[in-house]
Amino acid sequence: MSDDLLLKKRIKLIRDAFQDVLLDRDGVNVAVSCVNKKCSTYSKPHKKKLCLRVDNEFYHCWVCGHRGRGLARFFKYNKPRYASRAESLFAKIVKEKEQEVERVILPEGFSLLAALGDRADPDLKACRKYVLSRGLTEKHMWYFRMGATASGRYRRRVIIPSFDSEGFTNYFTARSIDDASRKYLNPKVKRSDIIFNEMNIDWKDELVLVEGPFDLVKSVQNSTCLLGSTLTERHELFKGIVKNCTPVVLALDPDAIEKTQKIASLLSSYNVSVRVAQINGFEDVGSMPLGAISEVIAQAKEWHTTDRLRSLISTIKSGSLI
């Protein structure tokens, strides 16, 4: 049996067992209603928060955290009527192989800007001067481990690395200090797989989400960045927030109103508390004076479903037909 045919048969089994399912565009993630009686979404068919992967046989509920591996066993205990079919379609997984994680390596010659001496390369000094010109201090350089290189592709770029929960480098962004054709250079890693500086995140406390690393360095301590302006169910950051039920403050750029509303709506649908900060009078958080974001966050208002409706109505031009 071909792999494609096997996946189709597995999906059909899940459809037969759960009736109403959601198949993701990747063709391997199937969302169904949670089988855990302790889950707040249990017996709510419209709340499909339990994801079954038909390729590697992992399953995980984004609300209650119910998870495991081995869909033959899953059907045996949760849908016994379909256990025999599942036994023939899903492998009996005895031991999970550890996946080798490809580590991100910082550019060759990476030097910490906070540790530069008087005889440092002029390009390195120029990067340090650029950071200071943005209103940042040496304390920021140390905390975010900002660096630069004196040669190569990343020369005359401020490099801000990211570290995962275990302290390993998982990403970095390199911002040009000149008028380069490409303002940012980044490693070839899927951004959806990255939680920027996860080692600094306290999942039990309210988490502030900004767009980029230079916004992050101006934000409050318990913050991270989206590496863009989108957040979907595929993002590891989203999964971390939902798993820990972490309250969120969205502090995206003023021109990302629609995306802010979309993210707030998605998080709210998973019972995550969301507040929205208004970045008025500034291009982004990164252009704000040091400390200014704290007051903005303090004044952030709780998001409600009606907020998105108001936002959509405000975009309708006068005289438009509905």
Protein backbone atom coordinates (compact mmCIF):
# COMPACT_ATOMS: atom_id res chain seq x y z
CA MET A 1 0.00 0.00 0.00
CA SER A 2 1.41 3.39 -1.00
CA ASP A 3 1.99 6.06 1.66
CA ASP A 4 -0.64 8.35 0.11
CA LEU A 5 -3.24 5.61 0.09
CA LEU A 6 -2.43 4.67 3.68
CA LEU A 7 -2.88 8.27 4.84
CA LYS A 8 -6.22 8.49 3.02
CA LYS A 9 -7.43 5.29 4.67
CA ARG A 10 -6.38 6.60 8.07
CA ILE A 11 -8.23 9.87 7.49
CA LYS A 12 -11.34 7.96 6.38
CA LEU A 13 -11.24 5.92 9.59
CA ILE A 14 -11.12 9.08 11.67
CA ARG A 15 -14.01 10.55 9.67
CA ASP A 16 -16.06 7.40 10.22
CA ALA A 17 -15.35 7.41 13.93
CA PHE A 18 -15.86 11.12 14.65
CA GLN A 19 -18.16 12.08 11.76
CA ASP A 20 -17.50 15.84 11.84
CA VAL A 21 -13.75 16.56 11.50
CA LEU A 22 -11.47 19.30 10.22
CA LEU A 23 -8.64 18.30 7.88
CA ASP A 24 -5.77 20.77 7.76
CA ARG A 25 -4.31 21.83 4.44
CA ASP A 26 -1.15 19.83 5.11
CA GLY A 27 -3.23 16.66 4.77
CA VAL A 28 -1.90 15.03 7.95
CA ASN A 29 -3.50 16.96 10.83
CA VAL A 30 -7.12 16.04 11.59
CA ALA A 31 -8.95 18.02 14.28
CA VAL A 32 -11.76 16.34 16.24
CA SER A 33 -13.64 16.97 19.47
CA CYS A 34 -11.62 16.08 22.58
CA VAL A 35 -12.18 12.66 24.18
CA ASN A 36 -10.95 13.74 27.61
CA LYS A 37 -13.97 14.13 29.91
CA LYS A 38 -12.05 16.67 32.00
CA CYS A 39 -11.51 18.96 29.00
CA SER A 40 -13.67 22.09 28.85
CA THR A 41 -14.41 21.28 25.20
CA TYR A 42 -15.63 17.74 25.88
CA SER A 43 -19.10 17.03 24.39
CA LYS A 44 -18.86 20.23 22.34
CA PRO A 45 -18.71 19.04 18.70
CA HIS A 46 -18.08 22.58 17.40
CA LYS A 47 -14.92 22.79 19.53
CA LYS A 48 -12.45 20.64 17.61
CA LYS A 49 -9.31 21.06 19.68
CA LEU A 50 -7.89 17.52 19.63
CA CYS A 51 -5.44 17.11 16.76
CA LEU A 52 -4.64 13.64 15.39
CA ARG A 53 -1.62 13.36 13.10
CA VAL A 54 -2.00 10.53 10.62
CA ASP A 55 1.68 10.52 9.64
CA ASN A 56 3.58 10.19 12.92
CA GLU A 57 0.53 9.17 15.02
CA PHE A 58 0.84 11.90 17.64
CA TYR A 59 -2.31 13.32 19.18
CA HIS A 60 -2.67 16.45 21.31
CA CYS A 61 -5.50 18.63 22.65
CA TRP A 62 -4.58 22.32 22.63
CA VAL A 63 -6.96 23.06 25.49
CA CYS A 64 -6.48 20.38 28.17
CA GLY A 65 -3.09 19.10 27.04
CA HIS A 66 -4.27 15.47 26.60
CA ARG A 67 -1.58 13.92 24.40
CA GLY A 68 0.21 10.76 23.37
CA ARG A 69 1.46 8.70 20.48
CA GLY A 70 -0.03 5.60 18.92
CA LEU A 71 -3.41 5.92 17.24
CA ALA A 72 -4.13 2.18 17.39
CA ARG A 73 -4.03 2.43 21.18
CA PHE A 74 -5.97 5.72 21.04
CA PHE A 75 -8.86 4.08 19.18
CA LYS A 76 -8.78 1.02 21.46
CA TYR A 77 -9.58 3.13 24.52
CA ASN A 78 -11.62 5.95 23.00
CA LYS A 79 -13.41 4.45 19.98
CA PRO A 80 -13.38 0.67 20.60
CA ARG A 81 -15.88 0.07 17.80
CA TYR A 82 -13.14 1.03 15.33
CA ALA A 83 -10.24 -0.59 17.20
CA SER A 84 -9.80 -3.51 14.79
CA ARG A 85 -9.64 -1.23 11.75
CA ALA A 86 -7.20 1.05 13.57
CA GLU A 87 -5.05 -1.96 14.46
CA SER A 88 -4.53 -2.72 10.78
CA LEU A 89 -3.91 0.88 9.70
CA PHE A 90 -1.75 2.24 12.49
CA ALA A 91 1.59 0.91 13.63
CA LYS A 92 2.13 -0.47 17.10
CA ILE A 93 4.60 2.04 18.46
CA VAL A 94 6.79 0.58 21.18
CA LYS A 95 9.55 3.13 21.45
CA GLU A 96 9.70 6.68 20.15
CA LYS A 97 12.94 7.55 18.44
CA GLU A 98 14.52 10.77 19.50
CA GLN A 99 14.48 13.32 16.73
CA GLU A 100 17.76 14.98 16.01
CA VAL A 101 17.36 18.73 16.23
CA GLU A 102 19.49 20.74 13.86
CA ARG A 103 21.06 23.51 15.90
CA VAL A 104 21.35 27.03 14.57
CA ILE A 105 24.93 28.28 14.57
CA LEU A 106 25.71 31.98 14.99
CA PRO A 107 27.72 33.58 12.14
CA GLU A 108 31.47 32.99 12.19
CA GLY A 109 33.33 35.68 14.09
CA PHE A 110 30.31 36.65 16.22
CA SER A 111 31.39 39.14 18.89
CA LEU A 112 29.33 40.51 21.77
CA LEU A 113 28.82 44.27 21.36
CA ALA A 114 28.84 44.84 25.11
CA ALA A 115 32.31 43.32 25.40
CA LEU A 116 34.07 45.32 22.69
CA GLY A 117 37.40 46.86 23.62
CA ASP A 118 38.95 50.11 22.44
CA ARG A 119 40.85 48.29 19.68
CA ALA A 120 37.78 46.57 18.27
CA ASP A 121 37.13 46.53 14.52
CA PRO A 122 35.53 49.80 13.27
CA ASP A 123 32.55 47.92 11.81
CA LEU A 124 31.89 46.29 15.18
CA LYS A 125 32.06 49.68 16.86
CA ALA A 126 29.66 51.06 14.25
CA CYS A 127 27.15 48.33 15.14
CA ARG A 128 27.46 49.18 18.82
CA LYS A 129 26.97 52.87 18.05
CA TYR A 130 23.83 52.01 16.05
CA VAL A 131 22.35 50.13 19.01
CA LEU A 132 23.03 53.08 21.31
CA SER A 133 21.46 55.46 18.76
CA ARG A 134 18.21 53.53 19.09
CA GLY A 135 18.01 54.45 22.74
CA LEU A 136 19.31 51.14 24.06
CA THR A 137 21.97 50.66 26.69
CA GLU A 138 24.84 48.31 27.42
CA LYS A 139 22.48 46.46 29.77
CA HIS A 140 20.26 45.61 26.78
CA MET A 141 23.31 44.42 24.82
CA TRP A 142 24.20 42.00 27.60
CA TYR A 143 20.66 40.79 28.28
CA PHE A 144 19.88 40.08 24.61
CA ARG A 145 23.46 39.04 23.81
CA MET A 146 23.62 41.40 20.85
CA GLY A 147 26.59 40.91 18.59
CA ALA A 148 28.12 41.49 15.19
CA THR A 149 30.82 40.20 12.85
CA ALA A 150 33.71 42.05 11.27
CA SER A 151 33.59 40.21 7.94
CA GLY A 152 31.46 38.06 5.71
CA ARG A 153 27.81 38.17 4.80
CA TYR A 154 26.71 39.56 8.17
CA ARG A 155 29.23 42.38 8.36
CA ARG A 156 27.78 45.74 9.57
CA ARG A 157 24.67 44.05 10.90
CA VAL A 158 23.46 43.90 14.50
CA ILE A 159 22.81 40.26 15.35
CA ILE A 160 20.20 39.37 17.99
CA PRO A 161 20.22 35.65 18.80
CA SER A 162 17.35 33.59 20.20
CA PHE A 163 17.62 30.69 22.64
CA ASP A 164 15.22 27.81 23.24
CA SER A 165 14.03 26.59 26.64
CA GLU A 166 17.28 24.62 27.13
CA GLY A 167 19.54 27.54 26.24
CA PHE A 168 20.49 26.40 22.73
CA THR A 169 20.54 28.88 19.87
CA ASN A 170 17.45 28.33 17.73
CA TYR A 171 17.36 31.51 15.61
CA PHE A 172 18.92 34.91 15.05
CA THR A 173 18.14 38.05 13.15
CA ALA A 174 20.79 40.29 11.60
CA ARG A 175 19.71 43.92 11.05
CA SER A 176 21.73 46.11 8.68
CA ILE A 177 22.95 49.40 10.12
CA ASP A 178 23.18 50.82 6.58
CA ASP A 179 20.65 51.31 3.78
CA ALA A 180 21.04 47.75 2.50
CA SER A 181 18.69 46.21 -0.06
CA ARG A 182 17.79 43.59 2.53
CA LYS A 183 17.29 45.13 5.95
CA TYR A 184 17.22 41.75 7.72
CA LEU A 185 19.05 38.47 7.15
CA ASN A 186 17.88 35.37 9.00
CA PRO A 187 18.81 31.66 9.07
CA LYS A 188 16.80 29.27 6.91
CA VAL A 189 14.56 28.01 9.69
CA LYS A 190 10.76 27.84 9.73
CA ARG A 191 9.64 30.77 11.85
CA SER A 192 6.55 28.86 12.94
CA ASP A 193 8.88 26.39 14.71
CA ILE A 194 10.59 29.14 16.73
CA ILE A 195 9.67 30.57 20.11
CA PHE A 196 12.02 33.54 20.25
CA ASN A 197 14.06 33.51 23.47
CA GLU A 198 11.83 30.91 25.07
CA MET A 199 14.34 30.58 27.91
CA ASN A 200 13.27 34.05 29.13
CA ILE A 201 9.52 33.33 29.08
CA ASP A 202 7.45 32.77 32.20
CA TRP A 203 4.39 30.93 30.87
CA LYS A 204 2.50 31.48 34.13
CA ASP A 205 2.64 35.27 33.79
CA GLU A 206 1.01 37.58 31.24
CA LEU A 207 3.04 37.46 28.02
CA VAL A 208 3.47 40.47 25.75
CA LEU A 209 3.68 39.73 22.01
CA VAL A 210 5.44 42.19 19.70
CA GLU A 211 6.44 41.82 16.06
CA GLY A 212 10.23 41.81 15.81
CA PRO A 213 13.40 41.53 17.92
CA PHE A 214 14.00 45.30 17.91
CA ASP A 215 10.49 45.70 19.32
CA LEU A 216 11.27 43.01 21.87
CA VAL A 217 14.31 44.82 23.28
CA LYS A 218 12.08 47.82 24.10
CA SER A 219 9.30 45.72 25.64
CA VAL A 220 8.81 44.53 29.23
CA GLN A 221 10.67 41.51 30.59
CA ASN A 222 8.07 38.79 29.95
CA SER A 223 7.78 39.31 26.21
CA THR A 224 8.55 37.56 22.97
CA CYS A 225 8.24 38.41 19.28
CA LEU A 226 6.27 36.82 16.47
CA LEU A 227 9.05 37.33 13.90
CA GLY A 228 6.31 38.94 11.81
CA SER A 229 2.69 39.82 12.40
CA THR A 230 0.94 36.45 12.19
CA LEU A 231 0.20 33.70 14.69
CA THR A 232 -1.64 30.51 13.75
CA GLU A 233 -2.37 27.11 15.24
CA ARG A 234 0.75 25.76 13.51
CA HIS A 235 3.09 28.06 15.44
CA GLU A 236 4.96 26.58 18.40
CA LEU A 237 4.42 29.87 20.23
CA PHE A 238 0.66 29.46 19.84
CA LYS A 239 0.86 25.90 21.17
CA GLY A 240 2.88 27.06 24.17
CA ILE A 241 0.37 29.79 25.01
CA VAL A 242 -2.64 27.47 24.74
CA LYS A 243 -0.95 24.60 26.61
CA ASN A 244 -0.13 26.88 29.55
CA CYS A 245 -3.27 29.03 29.21
CA THR A 246 -0.96 32.04 29.29
CA PRO A 247 -2.74 35.44 29.24
CA VAL A 248 -1.53 37.61 26.37
CA VAL A 249 -1.09 41.28 25.55
CA LEU A 250 -0.88 42.03 21.81
CA ALA A 251 1.38 45.00 21.07
CA LEU A 252 1.68 44.85 17.30
CA ASP A 253 2.39 47.78 14.97
CA PRO A 254 -0.44 50.29 14.41
CA ASP A 255 -0.76 49.19 10.76
CA ALA A 256 -1.49 45.59 11.82
CA ILE A 257 -4.97 46.21 13.23
CA GLU A 258 -6.64 43.49 11.17
CA LYS A 259 -3.95 40.94 12.04
CA THR A 260 -4.18 41.88 15.70
CA GLN A 261 -7.92 41.23 15.65
CA LYS A 262 -7.42 37.89 13.89
CA ILE A 263 -4.83 36.71 16.43
CA ALA A 264 -6.96 37.89 19.34
CA SER A 265 -9.98 36.05 17.97
CA LEU A 266 -8.01 32.83 17.51
CA LEU A 267 -6.48 32.90 21.00
CA SER A 268 -9.82 33.77 22.56
CA SER A 269 -11.42 30.74 20.86
CA TYR A 270 -8.99 28.61 22.90
CA ASN A 271 -10.03 30.30 26.15
CA VAL A 272 -6.88 32.45 26.30
CA SER A 273 -7.30 35.87 27.92
CA VAL A 274 -6.24 38.62 25.52
CA ARG A 275 -5.61 42.34 25.98
CA VAL A 276 -4.74 44.72 23.15
CA ALA A 277 -2.25 47.58 23.55
CA GLN A 278 -2.62 50.73 21.44
CA ILE A 279 0.74 51.82 20.00
CA ASN A 280 -0.41 55.33 19.06
CA GLY A 281 1.98 58.00 17.84
CA PHE A 282 4.79 55.59 17.07
CA GLU A 283 5.71 53.42 14.09
CA ASP A 284 6.24 50.40 16.35
CA VAL A 285 7.34 49.41 19.84
CA GLY A 286 10.97 49.62 18.75
CA SER A 287 10.64 53.35 18.02
CA MET A 288 9.21 54.13 21.47
CA PRO A 289 11.34 55.68 24.25
CA LEU A 290 12.66 53.29 26.88
CA GLY A 291 10.01 52.46 29.46
CA ALA A 292 7.12 53.94 27.48
CA ILE A 293 5.68 50.53 26.61
CA SER A 294 5.04 49.76 30.31
CA GLU A 295 2.36 52.46 30.58
CA VAL A 296 0.83 51.39 27.26
CA ILE A 297 0.59 47.79 28.46
CA ALA A 298 -0.93 48.90 31.76
CA GLN A 299 -3.69 50.65 29.78
CA ALA A 300 -4.26 47.73 27.37
CA LYS A 301 -7.95 46.78 27.18
CA GLU A 302 -9.40 43.30 27.36
CA TRP A 303 -10.39 41.98 23.95
CA HIS A 304 -13.97 40.93 23.25
CA THR A 305 -15.56 39.27 20.23
CA THR A 306 -17.39 42.51 19.41
CA ASP A 307 -14.03 44.26 19.00
CA ARG A 308 -13.33 42.41 15.78
CA LEU A 309 -16.79 43.25 14.47
CA ARG A 310 -16.20 46.93 15.20
CA SER A 311 -12.82 46.70 13.49
CA LEU A 312 -14.39 45.19 10.35
CA ILE A 313 -17.12 47.83 10.31
CA SER A 314 -14.55 50.62 10.59
CA THR A 315 -12.86 49.40 7.39
CA ILE A 316 -16.04 49.79 5.32
CA LYS A 317 -15.84 52.91 3.23
CA SER A 318 -18.68 55.38 3.36
CA GLY A 319 -21.25 54.65 0.65
CA SER A 320 -20.19 51.00 0.24
CA LEU A 321 -22.91 48.45 -0.42
CA ILE A 322 -23.21 45.55 2.03
